[in-house]
Amino acid sequence: MHGTEVLLVLEAARGDRGAFRGLVEAHWTRLVALARSVVGDLEAEDAVQEGFVDAWRKLGRLRDPSAFRAWLTRIVLRRCLKRARRIRFHVPLEEAPEVAAEASPPDLDVPALLARLAPRQRAVMHLTLVEELSDSEIAHLLHITAASVRSHRRRARERLRQSG
């Protein structure tokens, strides 16, 4: 994390709404992309907005300002997974998120394939492929073990092979 962002976190923790707005602007696009991969277009922005509200309320409890990105990502992921469970989410293929489509062969519809996965599997695949996080980083964000991350990824790949 850049020193500027650490300063924004510290100022926001002291109640500076302008500093928090800067953090929202810095992370919004990335978090909406993550949310879309888990809950789809219709729920993504709401989940991210709720995550930012949670972050604003809990910012004073963040011990290490340099851990803000991971902390915020974890909050948004929790919101997404909660929404996915509540609405028993299944993305219609035409609403599937754009995830790494430019790196895919032209005949492979990656968003449509990812839409067939369970929410936690989509989260693991997004964090692996788009965010390029390690298993231990993903485990930390999702509050699961690294072995569970590998298991979700393996099951996701099996499901993709079966449906592709």
N, C-alpha and C. Protein backbone atom coordinates (compact mmCIF):
# COMPACT_ATOMS: atom_id res chain seq x y z
N MET A 1 0.85 -1.17 0.00
CA MET A 1 0.00 0.00 0.00
C MET A 1 0.90 1.23 0.00
N HIS A 2 0.50 2.21 -0.73
CA HIS A 2 1.26 3.46 -0.80
C HIS A 2 1.11 4.26 0.48
N GLY A 3 2.12 5.08 0.78
CA GLY A 3 2.07 5.93 1.96
C GLY A 3 0.88 6.86 1.95
N THR A 4 0.50 7.32 0.76
CA THR A 4 -0.66 8.21 0.64
C THR A 4 -1.92 7.51 1.12
N GLU A 5 -2.06 6.24 0.76
CA GLU A 5 -3.25 5.51 1.17
C GLU A 5 -3.25 5.27 2.68
N VAL A 6 -2.10 5.00 3.24
CA VAL A 6 -2.02 4.83 4.70
C VAL A 6 -2.48 6.12 5.39
N LEU A 7 -2.05 7.26 4.86
CA LEU A 7 -2.48 8.54 5.43
C LEU A 7 -3.99 8.72 5.31
N LEU A 8 -4.55 8.34 4.16
CA LEU A 8 -6.01 8.43 3.98
C LEU A 8 -6.73 7.55 5.00
N VAL A 9 -6.20 6.35 5.22
CA VAL A 9 -6.81 5.43 6.19
C VAL A 9 -6.78 6.05 7.59
N LEU A 10 -5.63 6.60 7.96
CA LEU A 10 -5.50 7.22 9.29
C LEU A 10 -6.45 8.40 9.45
N GLU A 11 -6.54 9.23 8.41
CA GLU A 11 -7.44 10.39 8.47
C GLU A 11 -8.90 9.95 8.51
N ALA A 12 -9.23 8.96 7.69
CA ALA A 12 -10.61 8.45 7.68
C ALA A 12 -10.97 7.85 9.04
N ALA A 13 -10.02 7.17 9.66
CA ALA A 13 -10.27 6.57 10.97
C ALA A 13 -10.57 7.64 12.02
N ARG A 14 -10.07 8.85 11.78
CA ARG A 14 -10.35 9.97 12.70
C ARG A 14 -11.63 10.70 12.32
N GLY A 15 -12.36 10.17 11.33
CA GLY A 15 -13.65 10.75 10.97
C GLY A 15 -13.66 11.64 9.75
N ASP A 16 -12.55 11.72 9.02
CA ASP A 16 -12.47 12.56 7.83
C ASP A 16 -13.19 11.89 6.66
N ARG A 17 -14.38 12.38 6.36
CA ARG A 17 -15.19 11.80 5.28
C ARG A 17 -14.54 11.97 3.90
N GLY A 18 -13.85 13.07 3.70
CA GLY A 18 -13.15 13.29 2.43
C GLY A 18 -12.07 12.24 2.20
N ALA A 19 -11.35 11.90 3.25
CA ALA A 19 -10.31 10.87 3.14
C ALA A 19 -10.95 9.53 2.82
N PHE A 20 -12.08 9.24 3.47
CA PHE A 20 -12.75 7.97 3.20
C PHE A 20 -13.27 7.93 1.77
N ARG A 21 -13.77 9.06 1.29
CA ARG A 21 -14.23 9.15 -0.10
C ARG A 21 -13.08 8.82 -1.06
N GLY A 22 -11.87 9.29 -0.73
CA GLY A 22 -10.69 8.95 -1.53
C GLY A 22 -10.41 7.46 -1.54
N LEU A 23 -10.62 6.80 -0.41
CA LEU A 23 -10.43 5.35 -0.33
C LEU A 23 -11.50 4.63 -1.16
N VAL A 24 -12.72 5.13 -1.10
CA VAL A 24 -13.80 4.54 -1.90
C VAL A 24 -13.43 4.64 -3.38
N GLU A 25 -13.02 5.81 -3.82
CA GLU A 25 -12.66 6.00 -5.23
C GLU A 25 -11.49 5.11 -5.63
N ALA A 26 -10.55 4.92 -4.75
CA ALA A 26 -9.37 4.11 -5.07
C ALA A 26 -9.70 2.62 -5.20
N HIS A 27 -10.71 2.15 -4.49
CA HIS A 27 -10.99 0.70 -4.46
C HIS A 27 -12.29 0.30 -5.13
N TRP A 28 -13.13 1.24 -5.48
CA TRP A 28 -14.47 0.93 -6.00
C TRP A 28 -14.44 -0.01 -7.20
N THR A 29 -13.72 0.33 -8.24
CA THR A 29 -13.74 -0.45 -9.48
C THR A 29 -13.29 -1.89 -9.24
N ARG A 30 -12.20 -2.05 -8.50
CA ARG A 30 -11.67 -3.39 -8.22
C ARG A 30 -12.68 -4.22 -7.43
N LEU A 31 -13.31 -3.61 -6.44
CA LEU A 31 -14.24 -4.35 -5.60
C LEU A 31 -15.55 -4.66 -6.32
N VAL A 32 -15.99 -3.77 -7.19
CA VAL A 32 -17.19 -4.07 -7.98
C VAL A 32 -16.92 -5.25 -8.92
N ALA A 33 -15.73 -5.30 -9.51
CA ALA A 33 -15.38 -6.44 -10.37
C ALA A 33 -15.38 -7.73 -9.57
N LEU A 34 -14.83 -7.69 -8.38
CA LEU A 34 -14.84 -8.86 -7.50
C LEU A 34 -16.28 -9.25 -7.16
N ALA A 35 -17.08 -8.28 -6.77
CA ALA A 35 -18.47 -8.56 -6.40
C ALA A 35 -19.26 -9.13 -7.57
N ARG A 36 -19.03 -8.60 -8.76
CA ARG A 36 -19.73 -9.13 -9.94
C ARG A 36 -19.40 -10.60 -10.16
N SER A 37 -18.16 -10.97 -9.89
CA SER A 37 -17.78 -12.37 -10.10
C SER A 37 -18.44 -13.29 -9.09
N VAL A 38 -18.90 -12.74 -7.98
CA VAL A 38 -19.53 -13.56 -6.94
C VAL A 38 -21.05 -13.47 -7.00
N VAL A 39 -21.61 -12.26 -7.14
CA VAL A 39 -23.07 -12.10 -7.08
C VAL A 39 -23.72 -11.56 -8.35
N GLY A 40 -22.95 -11.26 -9.38
CA GLY A 40 -23.52 -10.77 -10.63
C GLY A 40 -23.75 -9.27 -10.63
N ASP A 41 -24.11 -8.76 -11.79
CA ASP A 41 -24.26 -7.32 -12.00
C ASP A 41 -25.31 -6.67 -11.12
N LEU A 42 -26.45 -7.33 -10.95
CA LEU A 42 -27.57 -6.70 -10.25
C LEU A 42 -27.30 -6.46 -8.77
N GLU A 43 -26.47 -7.27 -8.16
CA GLU A 43 -26.22 -7.17 -6.72
C GLU A 43 -24.86 -6.57 -6.39
N ALA A 44 -23.96 -6.49 -7.36
CA ALA A 44 -22.56 -6.15 -7.09
C ALA A 44 -22.38 -4.78 -6.43
N GLU A 45 -22.93 -3.75 -7.03
CA GLU A 45 -22.71 -2.41 -6.48
C GLU A 45 -23.33 -2.25 -5.10
N ASP A 46 -24.48 -2.88 -4.88
CA ASP A 46 -25.10 -2.82 -3.55
C ASP A 46 -24.21 -3.50 -2.51
N ALA A 47 -23.66 -4.65 -2.87
CA ALA A 47 -22.79 -5.37 -1.93
C ALA A 47 -21.55 -4.55 -1.60
N VAL A 48 -20.96 -3.91 -2.62
CA VAL A 48 -19.77 -3.10 -2.39
C VAL A 48 -20.12 -1.88 -1.53
N GLN A 49 -21.24 -1.25 -1.84
CA GLN A 49 -21.66 -0.09 -1.05
C GLN A 49 -21.89 -0.47 0.41
N GLU A 50 -22.54 -1.59 0.65
CA GLU A 50 -22.74 -2.06 2.02
C GLU A 50 -21.40 -2.36 2.69
N GLY A 51 -20.47 -2.92 1.91
CA GLY A 51 -19.14 -3.18 2.45
C GLY A 51 -18.44 -1.91 2.88
N PHE A 52 -18.56 -0.86 2.08
CA PHE A 52 -17.95 0.41 2.45
C PHE A 52 -18.62 1.02 3.69
N VAL A 53 -19.92 0.86 3.81
CA VAL A 53 -20.61 1.34 5.01
C VAL A 53 -20.07 0.59 6.24
N ASP A 54 -19.95 -0.73 6.11
CA ASP A 54 -19.37 -1.52 7.22
C ASP A 54 -17.96 -1.04 7.54
N ALA A 55 -17.17 -0.81 6.50
CA ALA A 55 -15.78 -0.38 6.70
C ALA A 55 -15.73 0.97 7.42
N TRP A 56 -16.59 1.90 7.03
CA TRP A 56 -16.62 3.22 7.68
C TRP A 56 -16.93 3.06 9.17
N ARG A 57 -17.89 2.20 9.47
CA ARG A 57 -18.28 2.00 10.87
C ARG A 57 -17.19 1.32 11.69
N LYS A 58 -16.42 0.44 11.06
CA LYS A 58 -15.44 -0.37 11.79
C LYS A 58 -14.00 0.13 11.63
N LEU A 59 -13.81 1.20 10.89
CA LEU A 59 -12.45 1.66 10.57
C LEU A 59 -11.61 1.93 11.81
N GLY A 60 -12.23 2.39 12.86
CA GLY A 60 -11.49 2.65 14.09
C GLY A 60 -10.89 1.41 14.72
N ARG A 61 -11.40 0.24 14.34
CA ARG A 61 -10.89 -1.03 14.88
C ARG A 61 -9.74 -1.61 14.07
N LEU A 62 -9.47 -1.04 12.91
CA LEU A 62 -8.38 -1.54 12.06
C LEU A 62 -7.05 -1.21 12.73
N ARG A 63 -6.29 -2.23 13.10
CA ARG A 63 -5.04 -2.01 13.83
C ARG A 63 -3.90 -1.56 12.94
N ASP A 64 -3.83 -2.12 11.73
CA ASP A 64 -2.71 -1.83 10.83
C ASP A 64 -3.23 -1.15 9.57
N PRO A 65 -3.05 0.15 9.44
CA PRO A 65 -3.56 0.87 8.26
C PRO A 65 -3.01 0.32 6.94
N SER A 66 -1.84 -0.29 6.96
CA SER A 66 -1.29 -0.83 5.71
C SER A 66 -2.03 -2.11 5.29
N ALA A 67 -2.85 -2.67 6.16
CA ALA A 67 -3.64 -3.86 5.84
C ALA A 67 -5.04 -3.50 5.34
N PHE A 68 -5.28 -2.23 5.08
CA PHE A 68 -6.62 -1.76 4.70
C PHE A 68 -7.17 -2.49 3.48
N ARG A 69 -6.37 -2.65 2.44
CA ARG A 69 -6.86 -3.28 1.21
C ARG A 69 -7.40 -4.69 1.48
N ALA A 70 -6.63 -5.51 2.18
CA ALA A 70 -7.07 -6.87 2.49
C ALA A 70 -8.29 -6.85 3.41
N TRP A 71 -8.28 -5.98 4.39
CA TRP A 71 -9.38 -5.86 5.34
C TRP A 71 -10.67 -5.48 4.62
N LEU A 72 -10.59 -4.49 3.75
CA LEU A 72 -11.75 -4.03 2.99
C LEU A 72 -12.25 -5.12 2.04
N THR A 73 -11.32 -5.80 1.37
CA THR A 73 -11.70 -6.88 0.46
C THR A 73 -12.44 -7.97 1.22
N ARG A 74 -11.96 -8.31 2.40
CA ARG A 74 -12.61 -9.33 3.22
C ARG A 74 -14.03 -8.89 3.59
N ILE A 75 -14.21 -7.64 3.95
CA ILE A 75 -15.55 -7.13 4.30
C ILE A 75 -16.49 -7.25 3.10
N VAL A 76 -16.03 -6.83 1.93
CA VAL A 76 -16.87 -6.89 0.73
C VAL A 76 -17.17 -8.34 0.35
N LEU A 77 -16.18 -9.22 0.45
CA LEU A 77 -16.43 -10.63 0.15
C LEU A 77 -17.48 -11.22 1.09
N ARG A 78 -17.40 -10.88 2.37
CA ARG A 78 -18.41 -11.37 3.32
C ARG A 78 -19.80 -10.89 2.91
N ARG A 79 -19.89 -9.62 2.52
CA ARG A 79 -21.18 -9.07 2.08
C ARG A 79 -21.69 -9.84 0.85
N CYS A 80 -20.80 -10.10 -0.09
CA CYS A 80 -21.18 -10.82 -1.32
C CYS A 80 -21.67 -12.23 -1.00
N LEU A 81 -20.91 -12.94 -0.18
CA LEU A 81 -21.29 -14.32 0.14
C LEU A 81 -22.61 -14.35 0.92
N LYS A 82 -22.82 -13.38 1.78
CA LYS A 82 -24.08 -13.30 2.52
C LYS A 82 -25.24 -13.05 1.56
N ARG A 83 -25.06 -12.14 0.61
CA ARG A 83 -26.10 -11.87 -0.39
C ARG A 83 -26.36 -13.11 -1.24
N ALA A 84 -25.29 -13.78 -1.64
CA ALA A 84 -25.43 -14.96 -2.49
C ALA A 84 -26.23 -16.04 -1.77
N ARG A 85 -25.98 -16.24 -0.49
CA ARG A 85 -26.75 -17.23 0.28
C ARG A 85 -28.21 -16.80 0.40
N ARG A 86 -28.42 -15.52 0.64
CA ARG A 86 -29.78 -15.03 0.86
C ARG A 86 -30.64 -15.15 -0.39
N ILE A 87 -30.09 -14.83 -1.51
CA ILE A 87 -30.90 -14.84 -2.73
C ILE A 87 -30.74 -16.12 -3.54
N ARG A 88 -29.94 -17.06 -3.00
CA ARG A 88 -29.68 -18.33 -3.71
C ARG A 88 -29.34 -18.03 -5.16
N PHE A 89 -28.30 -17.29 -5.27
CA PHE A 89 -27.87 -16.65 -6.50
C PHE A 89 -27.52 -17.63 -7.61
N HIS A 90 -27.99 -17.31 -8.81
CA HIS A 90 -27.55 -17.97 -10.03
C HIS A 90 -27.57 -16.91 -11.13
N VAL A 91 -26.44 -16.63 -11.72
CA VAL A 91 -26.33 -15.56 -12.71
C VAL A 91 -26.89 -16.03 -14.04
N PRO A 92 -27.85 -15.30 -14.61
CA PRO A 92 -28.24 -15.59 -15.99
C PRO A 92 -27.03 -15.37 -16.89
N LEU A 93 -26.86 -16.20 -17.88
CA LEU A 93 -25.65 -16.14 -18.69
C LEU A 93 -25.44 -14.79 -19.34
N GLU A 94 -26.50 -14.11 -19.73
CA GLU A 94 -26.32 -12.81 -20.39
C GLU A 94 -25.87 -11.73 -19.41
N GLU A 95 -26.01 -11.98 -18.09
CA GLU A 95 -25.59 -11.00 -17.09
C GLU A 95 -24.26 -11.36 -16.45
N ALA A 96 -23.61 -12.42 -16.91
CA ALA A 96 -22.36 -12.86 -16.29
C ALA A 96 -21.30 -11.78 -16.40
N PRO A 97 -20.46 -11.65 -15.36
CA PRO A 97 -19.44 -10.59 -15.33
C PRO A 97 -18.33 -10.83 -16.34
N GLU A 98 -17.69 -9.74 -16.72
CA GLU A 98 -16.52 -9.81 -17.58
C GLU A 98 -15.32 -10.13 -16.70
N VAL A 99 -14.80 -11.33 -16.80
CA VAL A 99 -13.67 -11.74 -15.98
C VAL A 99 -12.60 -12.31 -16.88
N ALA A 100 -11.54 -11.59 -17.03
CA ALA A 100 -10.37 -12.05 -17.77
C ALA A 100 -10.72 -12.52 -19.18
N ALA A 101 -11.73 -11.93 -19.78
CA ALA A 101 -12.17 -12.35 -21.10
C ALA A 101 -11.11 -12.12 -22.16
N GLU A 102 -10.32 -11.05 -22.03
CA GLU A 102 -9.32 -10.76 -23.05
C GLU A 102 -8.22 -11.80 -23.09
N ALA A 103 -8.03 -12.55 -22.02
CA ALA A 103 -6.98 -13.57 -21.99
C ALA A 103 -7.51 -14.92 -22.44
N SER A 104 -8.78 -15.01 -22.80
CA SER A 104 -9.41 -16.26 -23.14
C SER A 104 -9.44 -16.46 -24.65
N PRO A 105 -9.45 -17.73 -25.07
CA PRO A 105 -9.64 -17.98 -26.50
C PRO A 105 -10.98 -17.41 -26.92
N PRO A 106 -11.11 -16.94 -28.16
CA PRO A 106 -12.33 -16.27 -28.60
C PRO A 106 -13.59 -17.12 -28.46
N ASP A 107 -13.48 -18.46 -28.53
CA ASP A 107 -14.67 -19.29 -28.46
C ASP A 107 -15.02 -19.71 -27.03
N LEU A 108 -14.25 -19.27 -26.06
CA LEU A 108 -14.49 -19.64 -24.67
C LEU A 108 -15.13 -18.46 -23.93
N ASP A 109 -16.33 -18.66 -23.43
CA ASP A 109 -17.06 -17.61 -22.72
C ASP A 109 -16.81 -17.77 -21.22
N VAL A 110 -15.70 -17.21 -20.74
CA VAL A 110 -15.30 -17.35 -19.34
C VAL A 110 -16.37 -16.85 -18.38
N PRO A 111 -16.94 -15.66 -18.58
CA PRO A 111 -17.97 -15.21 -17.63
C PRO A 111 -19.15 -16.18 -17.53
N ALA A 112 -19.57 -16.72 -18.66
CA ALA A 112 -20.68 -17.67 -18.63
C ALA A 112 -20.29 -18.94 -17.88
N LEU A 113 -19.07 -19.38 -18.06
CA LEU A 113 -18.61 -20.57 -17.34
C LEU A 113 -18.53 -20.31 -15.84
N LEU A 114 -17.98 -19.17 -15.46
CA LEU A 114 -17.87 -18.84 -14.04
C LEU A 114 -19.23 -18.69 -13.38
N ALA A 115 -20.22 -18.26 -14.15
CA ALA A 115 -21.56 -18.07 -13.61
C ALA A 115 -22.17 -19.39 -13.14
N ARG A 116 -21.63 -20.50 -13.60
CA ARG A 116 -22.16 -21.81 -13.23
C ARG A 116 -21.62 -22.31 -11.89
N LEU A 117 -20.66 -21.60 -11.34
CA LEU A 117 -20.03 -22.03 -10.09
C LEU A 117 -20.79 -21.50 -8.88
N ALA A 118 -20.58 -22.16 -7.76
CA ALA A 118 -21.12 -21.69 -6.48
C ALA A 118 -20.42 -20.38 -6.11
N PRO A 119 -21.06 -19.52 -5.33
CA PRO A 119 -20.47 -18.21 -5.01
C PRO A 119 -19.04 -18.28 -4.44
N ARG A 120 -18.79 -19.19 -3.51
CA ARG A 120 -17.45 -19.26 -2.92
C ARG A 120 -16.43 -19.73 -3.97
N GLN A 121 -16.84 -20.64 -4.86
CA GLN A 121 -15.94 -21.07 -5.93
C GLN A 121 -15.64 -19.91 -6.87
N ARG A 122 -16.66 -19.11 -7.19
CA ARG A 122 -16.43 -17.93 -8.04
C ARG A 122 -15.47 -16.98 -7.37
N ALA A 123 -15.64 -16.78 -6.06
CA ALA A 123 -14.74 -15.88 -5.33
C ALA A 123 -13.30 -16.39 -5.39
N VAL A 124 -13.11 -17.67 -5.15
CA VAL A 124 -11.76 -18.25 -5.19
C VAL A 124 -11.16 -18.10 -6.58
N MET A 125 -11.94 -18.39 -7.60
CA MET A 125 -11.41 -18.29 -8.97
C MET A 125 -11.09 -16.84 -9.32
N HIS A 126 -11.94 -15.91 -8.93
CA HIS A 126 -11.67 -14.49 -9.21
C HIS A 126 -10.40 -14.05 -8.49
N LEU A 127 -10.29 -14.38 -7.23
CA LEU A 127 -9.11 -13.96 -6.46
C LEU A 127 -7.84 -14.61 -6.99
N THR A 128 -7.96 -15.82 -7.55
CA THR A 128 -6.81 -16.51 -8.12
C THR A 128 -6.44 -15.92 -9.48
N LEU A 129 -7.42 -15.81 -10.37
CA LEU A 129 -7.15 -15.43 -11.76
C LEU A 129 -7.03 -13.93 -11.98
N VAL A 130 -7.88 -13.15 -11.34
CA VAL A 130 -7.91 -11.71 -11.59
C VAL A 130 -7.03 -10.96 -10.60
N GLU A 131 -7.21 -11.24 -9.31
CA GLU A 131 -6.43 -10.54 -8.29
C GLU A 131 -5.02 -11.13 -8.15
N GLU A 132 -4.85 -12.36 -8.66
CA GLU A 132 -3.56 -13.08 -8.61
C GLU A 132 -3.02 -13.22 -7.19
N LEU A 133 -3.92 -13.58 -6.27
CA LEU A 133 -3.53 -13.77 -4.88
C LEU A 133 -3.08 -15.21 -4.64
N SER A 134 -2.25 -15.40 -3.64
CA SER A 134 -1.79 -16.74 -3.27
C SER A 134 -2.89 -17.45 -2.48
N ASP A 135 -2.73 -18.76 -2.33
CA ASP A 135 -3.71 -19.53 -1.56
C ASP A 135 -3.82 -19.00 -0.14
N SER A 136 -2.70 -18.66 0.47
CA SER A 136 -2.76 -18.18 1.86
C SER A 136 -3.45 -16.82 1.94
N GLU A 137 -3.25 -15.96 0.95
CA GLU A 137 -3.94 -14.66 0.94
C GLU A 137 -5.44 -14.84 0.76
N ILE A 138 -5.82 -15.75 -0.14
CA ILE A 138 -7.25 -16.02 -0.36
C ILE A 138 -7.86 -16.62 0.90
N ALA A 139 -7.14 -17.54 1.52
CA ALA A 139 -7.63 -18.17 2.76
C ALA A 139 -7.87 -17.11 3.83
N HIS A 140 -6.96 -16.18 3.94
CA HIS A 140 -7.10 -15.11 4.93
C HIS A 140 -8.34 -14.25 4.64
N LEU A 141 -8.54 -13.92 3.37
CA LEU A 141 -9.69 -13.08 3.00
C LEU A 141 -11.02 -13.77 3.24
N LEU A 142 -11.06 -15.08 2.96
CA LEU A 142 -12.32 -15.81 3.07
C LEU A 142 -12.51 -16.50 4.42
N HIS A 143 -11.52 -16.38 5.30
CA HIS A 143 -11.57 -17.04 6.61
C HIS A 143 -11.73 -18.55 6.48
N ILE A 144 -10.95 -19.12 5.58
CA ILE A 144 -10.90 -20.57 5.41
C ILE A 144 -9.43 -20.97 5.35
N THR A 145 -9.17 -22.26 5.32
CA THR A 145 -7.78 -22.71 5.25
C THR A 145 -7.29 -22.69 3.81
N ALA A 146 -5.98 -22.72 3.64
CA ALA A 146 -5.41 -22.80 2.29
C ALA A 146 -5.83 -24.10 1.62
N ALA A 147 -5.98 -25.16 2.40
CA ALA A 147 -6.45 -26.44 1.84
C ALA A 147 -7.87 -26.28 1.29
N SER A 148 -8.71 -25.53 1.98
CA SER A 148 -10.07 -25.27 1.49
C SER A 148 -10.05 -24.46 0.21
N VAL A 149 -9.13 -23.51 0.12
CA VAL A 149 -8.99 -22.73 -1.12
C VAL A 149 -8.68 -23.67 -2.27
N ARG A 150 -7.70 -24.55 -2.06
CA ARG A 150 -7.33 -25.50 -3.12
C ARG A 150 -8.50 -26.42 -3.47
N SER A 151 -9.26 -26.82 -2.46
CA SER A 151 -10.41 -27.69 -2.68
C SER A 151 -11.49 -26.96 -3.49
N HIS A 152 -11.79 -25.72 -3.14
CA HIS A 152 -12.78 -24.94 -3.90
C HIS A 152 -12.32 -24.75 -5.34
N ARG A 153 -11.03 -24.47 -5.53
CA ARG A 153 -10.50 -24.27 -6.88
C ARG A 153 -10.57 -25.58 -7.68
N ARG A 154 -10.22 -26.71 -7.03
CA ARG A 154 -10.27 -28.01 -7.71
C ARG A 154 -11.71 -28.33 -8.11
N ARG A 155 -12.66 -28.13 -7.18
CA ARG A 155 -14.07 -28.40 -7.51
C ARG A 155 -14.57 -27.47 -8.61
N ALA A 156 -14.15 -26.23 -8.58
CA ALA A 156 -14.55 -25.28 -9.63
C ALA A 156 -14.03 -25.75 -10.98
N ARG A 157 -12.78 -26.16 -11.02
CA ARG A 157 -12.20 -26.63 -12.29
C ARG A 157 -12.90 -27.89 -12.78
N GLU A 158 -13.23 -28.80 -11.86
CA GLU A 158 -13.96 -30.01 -12.24
C GLU A 158 -15.32 -29.64 -12.83
N ARG A 159 -16.00 -28.73 -12.16
CA ARG A 159 -17.32 -28.30 -12.64
C ARG A 159 -17.21 -27.64 -14.02
N LEU A 160 -16.17 -26.82 -14.21
CA LEU A 160 -15.97 -26.17 -15.50
C LEU A 160 -15.67 -27.19 -16.59
N ARG A 161 -14.88 -28.20 -16.25
CA ARG A 161 -14.59 -29.26 -17.24
C ARG A 161 -15.86 -30.00 -17.63
N GLN A 162 -16.69 -30.31 -16.65
CA GLN A 162 -17.94 -31.03 -16.90
C GLN A 162 -18.91 -30.22 -17.75
N SER A 163 -18.94 -28.92 -17.52
CA SER A 163 -19.91 -28.08 -18.24
C SER A 163 -19.37 -27.54 -19.55
N GLY A 164 -18.08 -27.68 -19.78
CA GLY A 164 -17.47 -27.10 -20.97
C GLY A 164 -17.29 -28.12 -22.00
